[in-house]
Amino acid sequence: TEQPKVANGASELMFEVFGEKGRHARAAVGVPA
């Protein structure tokens, strides 16, 4: 159930690179494959 923590890998990268322009809406979902 930690999909949001996994997705933070991409989210935090966008903030590192773009600053405030990198903050975004997001979906983080688990899938079977």
PDB file of all heavy atoms in Angstrom:
ATOM      1  N   THR A   1       0.814  -1.229   0.000  1.00  0.00           N
ATOM      2  CA  THR A   1       0.000   0.000   0.000  1.00  0.00           C
ATOM      3  C   THR A   1       0.843   1.274   0.000  1.00  0.00           C
ATOM      4  O   THR A   1       0.335   2.348   0.299  1.00  0.00           O
ATOM      5  CB  THR A   1      -0.933   0.019   1.223  1.00  0.00           C
ATOM      6  OG1 THR A   1      -0.142  -0.047   2.417  1.00  0.00           O
ATOM      7  CG2 THR A   1      -1.931  -1.134   1.174  1.00  0.00           C
ATOM      8  N   GLU A   2       2.106   1.176  -0.382  1.00  0.00           N
ATOM      9  CA  GLU A   2       2.977   2.350  -0.351  1.00  0.00           C
ATOM     10  C   GLU A   2       3.238   2.929  -1.748  1.00  0.00           C
ATOM     11  O   GLU A   2       4.283   3.526  -1.993  1.00  0.00           O
ATOM     12  CB  GLU A   2       4.277   2.000   0.359  1.00  0.00           C
ATOM     13  CG  GLU A   2       4.032   1.647   1.825  1.00  0.00           C
ATOM     14  CD  GLU A   2       5.295   1.403   2.597  1.00  0.00           C
ATOM     15  OE1 GLU A   2       6.073   0.504   2.200  1.00  0.00           O
ATOM     16  OE2 GLU A   2       5.511   2.128   3.576  1.00  0.00           O
ATOM     17  N   GLN A   3       2.256   2.782  -2.634  1.00  0.00           N
ATOM     18  CA  GLN A   3       2.397   3.335  -3.978  1.00  0.00           C
ATOM     19  C   GLN A   3       2.721   4.831  -3.958  1.00  0.00           C
ATOM     20  O   GLN A   3       3.556   5.276  -4.756  1.00  0.00           O
ATOM     21  CB  GLN A   3       1.134   3.068  -4.808  1.00  0.00           C
ATOM     22  CG  GLN A   3       0.920   1.635  -5.193  1.00  0.00           C
ATOM     23  CD  GLN A   3       0.215   0.817  -4.115  1.00  0.00           C
ATOM     24  OE1 GLN A   3      -0.123   1.312  -3.049  1.00  0.00           O
ATOM     25  NE2 GLN A   3      -0.026  -0.454  -4.414  1.00  0.00           N
ATOM     26  N   PRO A   4       2.117   5.633  -3.054  1.00  0.00           N
ATOM     27  CA  PRO A   4       2.476   7.056  -3.039  1.00  0.00           C
ATOM     28  C   PRO A   4       3.954   7.297  -2.732  1.00  0.00           C
ATOM     29  O   PRO A   4       4.562   8.202  -3.301  1.00  0.00           O
ATOM     30  CB  PRO A   4       1.580   7.640  -1.940  1.00  0.00           C
ATOM     31  CG  PRO A   4       0.395   6.722  -1.918  1.00  0.00           C
ATOM     32  CD  PRO A   4       0.965   5.349  -2.172  1.00  0.00           C
ATOM     33  N   LYS A   5       4.543   6.496  -1.859  1.00  0.00           N
ATOM     34  CA  LYS A   5       5.970   6.644  -1.562  1.00  0.00           C
ATOM     35  C   LYS A   5       6.817   6.290  -2.779  1.00  0.00           C
ATOM     36  O   LYS A   5       7.819   6.940  -3.057  1.00  0.00           O
ATOM     37  CB  LYS A   5       6.366   5.776  -0.372  1.00  0.00           C
ATOM     38  CG  LYS A   5       5.809   6.268   0.940  1.00  0.00           C
ATOM     39  CD  LYS A   5       6.241   5.369   2.079  1.00  0.00           C
ATOM     40  CE  LYS A   5       5.644   5.837   3.392  1.00  0.00           C
ATOM     41  NZ  LYS A   5       5.991   4.933   4.502  1.00  0.00           N
ATOM     42  N   VAL A   6       6.420   5.264  -3.513  1.00  0.00           N
ATOM     43  CA  VAL A   6       7.129   4.893  -4.742  1.00  0.00           C
ATOM     44  C   VAL A   6       7.052   6.051  -5.729  1.00  0.00           C
ATOM     45  O   VAL A   6       8.071   6.486  -6.283  1.00  0.00           O
ATOM     46  CB  VAL A   6       6.546   3.603  -5.355  1.00  0.00           C
ATOM     47  CG1 VAL A   6       7.136   3.336  -6.731  1.00  0.00           C
ATOM     48  CG2 VAL A   6       6.773   2.414  -4.425  1.00  0.00           C
ATOM     49  N   ALA A   7       5.860   6.584  -5.947  1.00  0.00           N
ATOM     50  CA  ALA A   7       5.661   7.668  -6.912  1.00  0.00           C
ATOM     51  C   ALA A   7       6.465   8.912  -6.556  1.00  0.00           C
ATOM     52  O   ALA A   7       6.822   9.701  -7.441  1.00  0.00           O
ATOM     53  CB  ALA A   7       4.180   8.003  -7.026  1.00  0.00           C
ATOM     54  N   ASN A   8       6.786   9.086  -5.280  1.00  0.00           N
ATOM     55  CA  ASN A   8       7.585  10.235  -4.872  1.00  0.00           C
ATOM     56  C   ASN A   8       8.931  10.279  -5.590  1.00  0.00           C
ATOM     57  O   ASN A   8       9.514  11.348  -5.750  1.00  0.00           O
ATOM     58  CB  ASN A   8       7.823  10.238  -3.359  1.00  0.00           C
ATOM     59  CG  ASN A   8       6.619  10.745  -2.597  1.00  0.00           C
ATOM     60  OD1 ASN A   8       5.689  11.309  -3.161  1.00  0.00           O
ATOM     61  ND2 ASN A   8       6.630  10.533  -1.292  1.00  0.00           N
ATOM     62  N   GLY A   9       9.431   9.142  -6.041  1.00  0.00           N
ATOM     63  CA  GLY A   9      10.687   9.137  -6.796  1.00  0.00           C
ATOM     64  C   GLY A   9      10.615  10.035  -8.011  1.00  0.00           C
ATOM     65  O   GLY A   9      11.548  10.803  -8.296  1.00  0.00           O
ATOM     66  N   ALA A  10       9.500   9.976  -8.735  1.00  0.00           N
ATOM     67  CA  ALA A  10       9.314  10.834  -9.911  1.00  0.00           C
ATOM     68  C   ALA A  10       8.921  12.251  -9.496  1.00  0.00           C
ATOM     69  O   ALA A  10       9.422  13.232 -10.053  1.00  0.00           O
ATOM     70  CB  ALA A  10       8.263  10.241 -10.845  1.00  0.00           C
ATOM     71  N   SER A  11       8.046  12.360  -8.518  1.00  0.00           N
ATOM     72  CA  SER A  11       7.572  13.682  -8.082  1.00  0.00           C
ATOM     73  C   SER A  11       8.702  14.541  -7.552  1.00  0.00           C
ATOM     74  O   SER A  11       8.824  15.724  -7.900  1.00  0.00           O
ATOM     75  CB  SER A  11       6.500  13.519  -7.003  1.00  0.00           C
ATOM     76  OG  SER A  11       5.336  12.949  -7.544  1.00  0.00           O
ATOM     77  N   GLU A  12       9.543  13.962  -6.706  1.00  0.00           N
ATOM     78  CA  GLU A  12      10.641  14.737  -6.125  1.00  0.00           C
ATOM     79  C   GLU A  12      11.666  15.139  -7.184  1.00  0.00           C
ATOM     80  O   GLU A  12      12.255  16.218  -7.106  1.00  0.00           O
ATOM     81  CB  GLU A  12      11.264  13.967  -4.974  1.00  0.00           C
ATOM     82  CG  GLU A  12      10.305  13.889  -3.786  1.00  0.00           C
ATOM     83  CD  GLU A  12      10.732  12.940  -2.681  1.00  0.00           C
ATOM     84  OE1 GLU A  12      11.830  12.350  -2.770  1.00  0.00           O
ATOM     85  OE2 GLU A  12       9.934  12.786  -1.730  1.00  0.00           O
ATOM     86  N   LEU A  13      11.857  14.284  -8.193  1.00  0.00           N
ATOM     87  CA  LEU A  13      12.745  14.647  -9.295  1.00  0.00           C
ATOM     88  C   LEU A  13      12.237  15.904  -9.991  1.00  0.00           C
ATOM     89  O   LEU A  13      13.009  16.826 -10.277  1.00  0.00           O
ATOM     90  CB  LEU A  13      12.855  13.503 -10.308  1.00  0.00           C
ATOM     91  CG  LEU A  13      13.577  13.870 -11.603  1.00  0.00           C
ATOM     92  CD1 LEU A  13      15.075  14.034 -11.364  1.00  0.00           C
ATOM     93  CD2 LEU A  13      13.303  12.852 -12.686  1.00  0.00           C
ATOM     94  N   MET A  14      10.935  15.961 -10.276  1.00  0.00           N
ATOM     95  CA  MET A  14      10.380  17.122 -10.982  1.00  0.00           C
ATOM     96  C   MET A  14      10.563  18.397 -10.173  1.00  0.00           C
ATOM     97  O   MET A  14      10.870  19.457 -10.722  1.00  0.00           O
ATOM     98  CB  MET A  14       8.902  16.898 -11.315  1.00  0.00           C
ATOM     99  CG  MET A  14       8.658  15.757 -12.274  1.00  0.00           C
ATOM    100  SD  MET A  14       9.599  15.905 -13.816  1.00  0.00           S
ATOM    101  CE  MET A  14       9.361  14.285 -14.514  1.00  0.00           C
ATOM    102  N   PHE A  15      10.423  18.318  -8.842  1.00  0.00           N
ATOM    103  CA  PHE A  15      10.634  19.489  -8.003  1.00  0.00           C
ATOM    104  C   PHE A  15      12.115  19.871  -7.985  1.00  0.00           C
ATOM    105  O   PHE A  15      12.457  21.051  -8.059  1.00  0.00           O
ATOM    106  CB  PHE A  15      10.122  19.242  -6.594  1.00  0.00           C
ATOM    107  CG  PHE A  15      10.311  20.432  -5.697  1.00  0.00           C
ATOM    108  CD1 PHE A  15       9.603  21.602  -5.908  1.00  0.00           C
ATOM    109  CD2 PHE A  15      11.212  20.382  -4.648  1.00  0.00           C
ATOM    110  CE1 PHE A  15       9.793  22.716  -5.093  1.00  0.00           C
ATOM    111  CE2 PHE A  15      11.414  21.486  -3.827  1.00  0.00           C
ATOM    112  CZ  PHE A  15      10.699  22.651  -4.048  1.00  0.00           C
ATOM    113  N   GLU A  16      13.008  18.885  -7.916  1.00  0.00           N
ATOM    114  CA  GLU A  16      14.455  19.164  -7.948  1.00  0.00           C
ATOM    115  C   GLU A  16      14.849  19.908  -9.215  1.00  0.00           C
ATOM    116  O   GLU A  16      15.635  20.849  -9.180  1.00  0.00           O
ATOM    117  CB  GLU A  16      15.259  17.861  -7.926  1.00  0.00           C
ATOM    118  CG  GLU A  16      15.371  17.169  -6.613  1.00  0.00           C
ATOM    119  CD  GLU A  16      16.141  15.859  -6.783  1.00  0.00           C
ATOM    120  OE1 GLU A  16      17.254  15.886  -7.355  1.00  0.00           O
ATOM    121  OE2 GLU A  16      15.612  14.823  -6.358  1.00  0.00           O
ATOM    122  N   VAL A  17      14.297  19.457 -10.345  1.00  0.00           N
ATOM    123  CA  VAL A  17      14.692  20.016 -11.639  1.00  0.00           C
ATOM    124  C   VAL A  17      14.005  21.347 -11.925  1.00  0.00           C
ATOM    125  O   VAL A  17      14.645  22.307 -12.358  1.00  0.00           O
ATOM    126  CB  VAL A  17      14.413  19.005 -12.773  1.00  0.00           C
ATOM    127  CG1 VAL A  17      14.633  19.632 -14.147  1.00  0.00           C
ATOM    128  CG2 VAL A  17      15.273  17.756 -12.600  1.00  0.00           C
ATOM    129  N   PHE A  18      12.701  21.429 -11.667  1.00  0.00           N
ATOM    130  CA  PHE A  18      11.922  22.600 -12.079  1.00  0.00           C
ATOM    131  C   PHE A  18      11.525  23.528 -10.940  1.00  0.00           C
ATOM    132  O   PHE A  18      10.882  24.545 -11.191  1.00  0.00           O
ATOM    133  CB  PHE A  18      10.656  22.148 -12.827  1.00  0.00           C
ATOM    134  CG  PHE A  18      10.941  21.440 -14.111  1.00  0.00           C
ATOM    135  CD1 PHE A  18      10.834  20.063 -14.198  1.00  0.00           C
ATOM    136  CD2 PHE A  18      11.337  22.143 -15.240  1.00  0.00           C
ATOM    137  CE1 PHE A  18      11.098  19.395 -15.381  1.00  0.00           C
ATOM    138  CE2 PHE A  18      11.607  21.494 -16.427  1.00  0.00           C
ATOM    139  CZ  PHE A  18      11.493  20.115 -16.504  1.00  0.00           C
ATOM    140  N   GLY A  19      11.862  23.206  -9.713  1.00  0.00           N
ATOM    141  CA  GLY A  19      11.439  24.031  -8.589  1.00  0.00           C
ATOM    142  C   GLY A  19       9.922  24.013  -8.470  1.00  0.00           C
ATOM    143  O   GLY A  19       9.282  22.984  -8.699  1.00  0.00           O
ATOM    144  N   GLU A  20       9.341  25.150  -8.135  1.00  0.00           N
ATOM    145  CA  GLU A  20       7.884  25.217  -7.928  1.00  0.00           C
ATOM    146  C   GLU A  20       7.100  24.806  -9.180  1.00  0.00           C
ATOM    147  O   GLU A  20       5.982  24.299  -9.067  1.00  0.00           O
ATOM    148  CB  GLU A  20       7.457  26.615  -7.469  1.00  0.00           C
ATOM    149  CG  GLU A  20       7.814  26.908  -6.026  1.00  0.00           C
ATOM    150  CD  GLU A  20       7.195  25.914  -5.039  1.00  0.00           C
ATOM    151  OE1 GLU A  20       5.998  25.607  -5.167  1.00  0.00           O
ATOM    152  OE2 GLU A  20       7.921  25.459  -4.139  1.00  0.00           O
ATOM    153  N   LYS A  21       7.678  25.020 -10.371  1.00  0.00           N
ATOM    154  CA  LYS A  21       6.997  24.607 -11.598  1.00  0.00           C
ATOM    155  C   LYS A  21       6.892  23.083 -11.691  1.00  0.00           C
ATOM    156  O   LYS A  21       6.140  22.557 -12.497  1.00  0.00           O
ATOM    157  CB  LYS A  21       7.729  25.138 -12.834  1.00  0.00           C
ATOM    158  CG  LYS A  21       7.736  26.645 -12.939  1.00  0.00           C
ATOM    159  CD  LYS A  21       8.292  27.130 -14.255  1.00  0.00           C
ATOM    160  CE  LYS A  21       9.690  26.670 -14.524  1.00  0.00           C
ATOM    161  NZ  LYS A  21      10.282  27.223 -15.757  1.00  0.00           N
ATOM    162  N   GLY A  22       7.658  22.387 -10.862  1.00  0.00           N
ATOM    163  CA  GLY A  22       7.640  20.928 -10.862  1.00  0.00           C
ATOM    164  C   GLY A  22       6.594  20.326  -9.943  1.00  0.00           C
ATOM    165  O   GLY A  22       6.365  19.122  -9.970  1.00  0.00           O
ATOM    166  N   ARG A  23       5.938  21.152  -9.127  1.00  0.00           N
ATOM    167  CA  ARG A  23       4.876  20.627  -8.247  1.00  0.00           C
ATOM    168  C   ARG A  23       3.652  20.326  -9.107  1.00  0.00           C
ATOM    169  O   ARG A  23       3.297  21.112  -9.976  1.00  0.00           O
ATOM    170  CB  ARG A  23       4.539  21.631  -7.164  1.00  0.00           C
ATOM    171  CG  ARG A  23       5.708  21.854  -6.225  1.00  0.00           C
ATOM    172  CD  ARG A  23       5.235  22.127  -4.823  1.00  0.00           C
ATOM    173  NE  ARG A  23       6.329  22.487  -3.958  1.00  0.00           N
ATOM    174  CZ  ARG A  23       7.040  21.612  -3.254  1.00  0.00           C
ATOM    175  NH1 ARG A  23       6.767  20.333  -3.326  1.00  0.00           N
ATOM    176  NH2 ARG A  23       8.012  22.032  -2.471  1.00  0.00           N
ATOM    177  N   HIS A  24       2.986  19.225  -8.830  1.00  0.00           N
ATOM    178  CA  HIS A  24       1.955  18.739  -9.744  1.00  0.00           C
ATOM    179  C   HIS A  24       0.879  17.951  -9.014  1.00  0.00           C
ATOM    180  O   HIS A  24       1.067  17.519  -7.876  1.00  0.00           O
ATOM    181  CB  HIS A  24       2.608  17.825 -10.790  1.00  0.00           C
ATOM    182  CG  HIS A  24       3.433  16.756 -10.148  1.00  0.00           C
ATOM    183  ND1 HIS A  24       4.772  16.952  -9.860  1.00  0.00           N
ATOM    184  CD2 HIS A  24       3.125  15.520  -9.694  1.00  0.00           C
ATOM    185  CE1 HIS A  24       5.244  15.866  -9.265  1.00  0.00           C
ATOM    186  NE2 HIS A  24       4.276  14.982  -9.149  1.00  0.00           N
ATOM    187  N   ALA A  25      -0.228  17.747  -9.712  1.00  0.00           N
ATOM    188  CA  ALA A  25      -1.244  16.793  -9.266  1.00  0.00           C
ATOM    189  C   ALA A  25      -0.724  15.402  -9.617  1.00  0.00           C
ATOM    190  O   ALA A  25       0.170  15.256 -10.462  1.00  0.00           O
ATOM    191  CB  ALA A  25      -2.567  17.072  -9.974  1.00  0.00           C
ATOM    192  N   ARG A  26      -1.285  14.363  -8.963  1.00  0.00           N
ATOM    193  CA  ARG A  26      -0.729  13.041  -9.213  1.00  0.00           C
ATOM    194  C   ARG A  26      -1.728  11.945  -8.869  1.00  0.00           C
ATOM    195  O   ARG A  26      -2.559  12.095  -7.995  1.00  0.00           O
ATOM    196  CB  ARG A  26       0.523  12.867  -8.346  1.00  0.00           C
ATOM    197  CG  ARG A  26       1.263  11.586  -8.647  1.00  0.00           C
ATOM    198  CD  ARG A  26       2.458  11.430  -7.777  1.00  0.00           C
ATOM    199  NE  ARG A  26       2.062  10.926  -6.460  1.00  0.00           N
ATOM    200  CZ  ARG A  26       2.891  10.871  -5.432  1.00  0.00           C
ATOM    201  NH1 ARG A  26       4.124  11.293  -5.529  1.00  0.00           N
ATOM    202  NH2 ARG A  26       2.470  10.391  -4.292  1.00  0.00           N
ATOM    203  N   ALA A  27      -1.579  10.832  -9.551  1.00  0.00           N
ATOM    204  CA  ALA A  27      -2.244   9.585  -9.178  1.00  0.00           C
ATOM    205  C   ALA A  27      -1.144   8.551  -8.955  1.00  0.00           C
ATOM    206  O   ALA A  27      -0.143   8.545  -9.679  1.00  0.00           O
ATOM    207  CB  ALA A  27      -3.183   9.120 -10.290  1.00  0.00           C
ATOM    208  N   ALA A  28      -1.309   7.715  -7.946  1.00  0.00           N
ATOM    209  CA  ALA A  28      -0.365   6.630  -7.674  1.00  0.00           C
ATOM    210  C   ALA A  28      -1.200   5.390  -7.387  1.00  0.00           C
ATOM    211  O   ALA A  28      -1.879   5.329  -6.362  1.00  0.00           O
ATOM    212  CB  ALA A  28       0.537   6.970  -6.490  1.00  0.00           C
ATOM    213  N   VAL A  29      -1.169   4.449  -8.310  1.00  0.00           N
ATOM    214  CA  VAL A  29      -2.040   3.278  -8.183  1.00  0.00           C
ATOM    215  C   VAL A  29      -1.253   1.984  -8.292  1.00  0.00           C
ATOM    216  O   VAL A  29      -0.249   1.912  -9.002  1.00  0.00           O
ATOM    217  CB  VAL A  29      -3.162   3.297  -9.252  1.00  0.00           C
ATOM    218  CG1 VAL A  29      -4.063   4.503  -9.072  1.00  0.00           C
ATOM    219  CG2 VAL A  29      -2.590   3.298 -10.652  1.00  0.00           C
ATOM    220  N   GLY A  30      -1.727   0.989  -7.588  1.00  0.00           N
ATOM    221  CA  GLY A  30      -1.150  -0.345  -7.691  1.00  0.00           C
ATOM    222  C   GLY A  30      -1.839  -1.115  -8.797  1.00  0.00           C
ATOM    223  O   GLY A  30      -3.054  -1.015  -8.968  1.00  0.00           O
ATOM    224  N   VAL A  31      -1.046  -1.845  -9.552  1.00  0.00           N
ATOM    225  CA  VAL A  31      -1.580  -2.658 -10.644  1.00  0.00           C
ATOM    226  C   VAL A  31      -0.964  -4.053 -10.557  1.00  0.00           C
ATOM    227  O   VAL A  31       0.134  -4.218 -10.022  1.00  0.00           O
ATOM    228  CB  VAL A  31      -1.288  -2.022 -12.026  1.00  0.00           C
ATOM    229  CG1 VAL A  31      -1.984  -0.673 -12.155  1.00  0.00           C
ATOM    230  CG2 VAL A  31       0.200  -1.854 -12.261  1.00  0.00           C
ATOM    231  N   PRO A  32      -1.654  -5.064 -11.085  1.00  0.00           N
ATOM    232  CA  PRO A  32      -1.133  -6.432 -10.982  1.00  0.00           C
ATOM    233  C   PRO A  32      -0.018  -6.767 -11.974  1.00  0.00           C
ATOM    234  O   PRO A  32       0.698  -7.743 -11.785  1.00  0.00           O
ATOM    235  CB  PRO A  32      -2.361  -7.296 -11.234  1.00  0.00           C
ATOM    236  CG  PRO A  32      -3.261  -6.448 -12.066  1.00  0.00           C
ATOM    237  CD  PRO A  32      -3.015  -5.035 -11.612  1.00  0.00           C
ATOM    238  N   ALA A  33       0.141  -5.961 -13.031  1.00  0.00           N
ATOM    239  CA  ALA A  33       1.187  -6.211 -14.029  1.00  0.00           C
ATOM    240  C   ALA A  33       1.386  -4.948 -14.849  1.00  0.00           C
ATOM    241  O   ALA A  33       0.483  -4.126 -14.986  1.00  0.00           O
ATOM    242  CB  ALA A  33       0.793  -7.362 -14.948  1.00  0.00           C
TER     243      ALA A  33
END
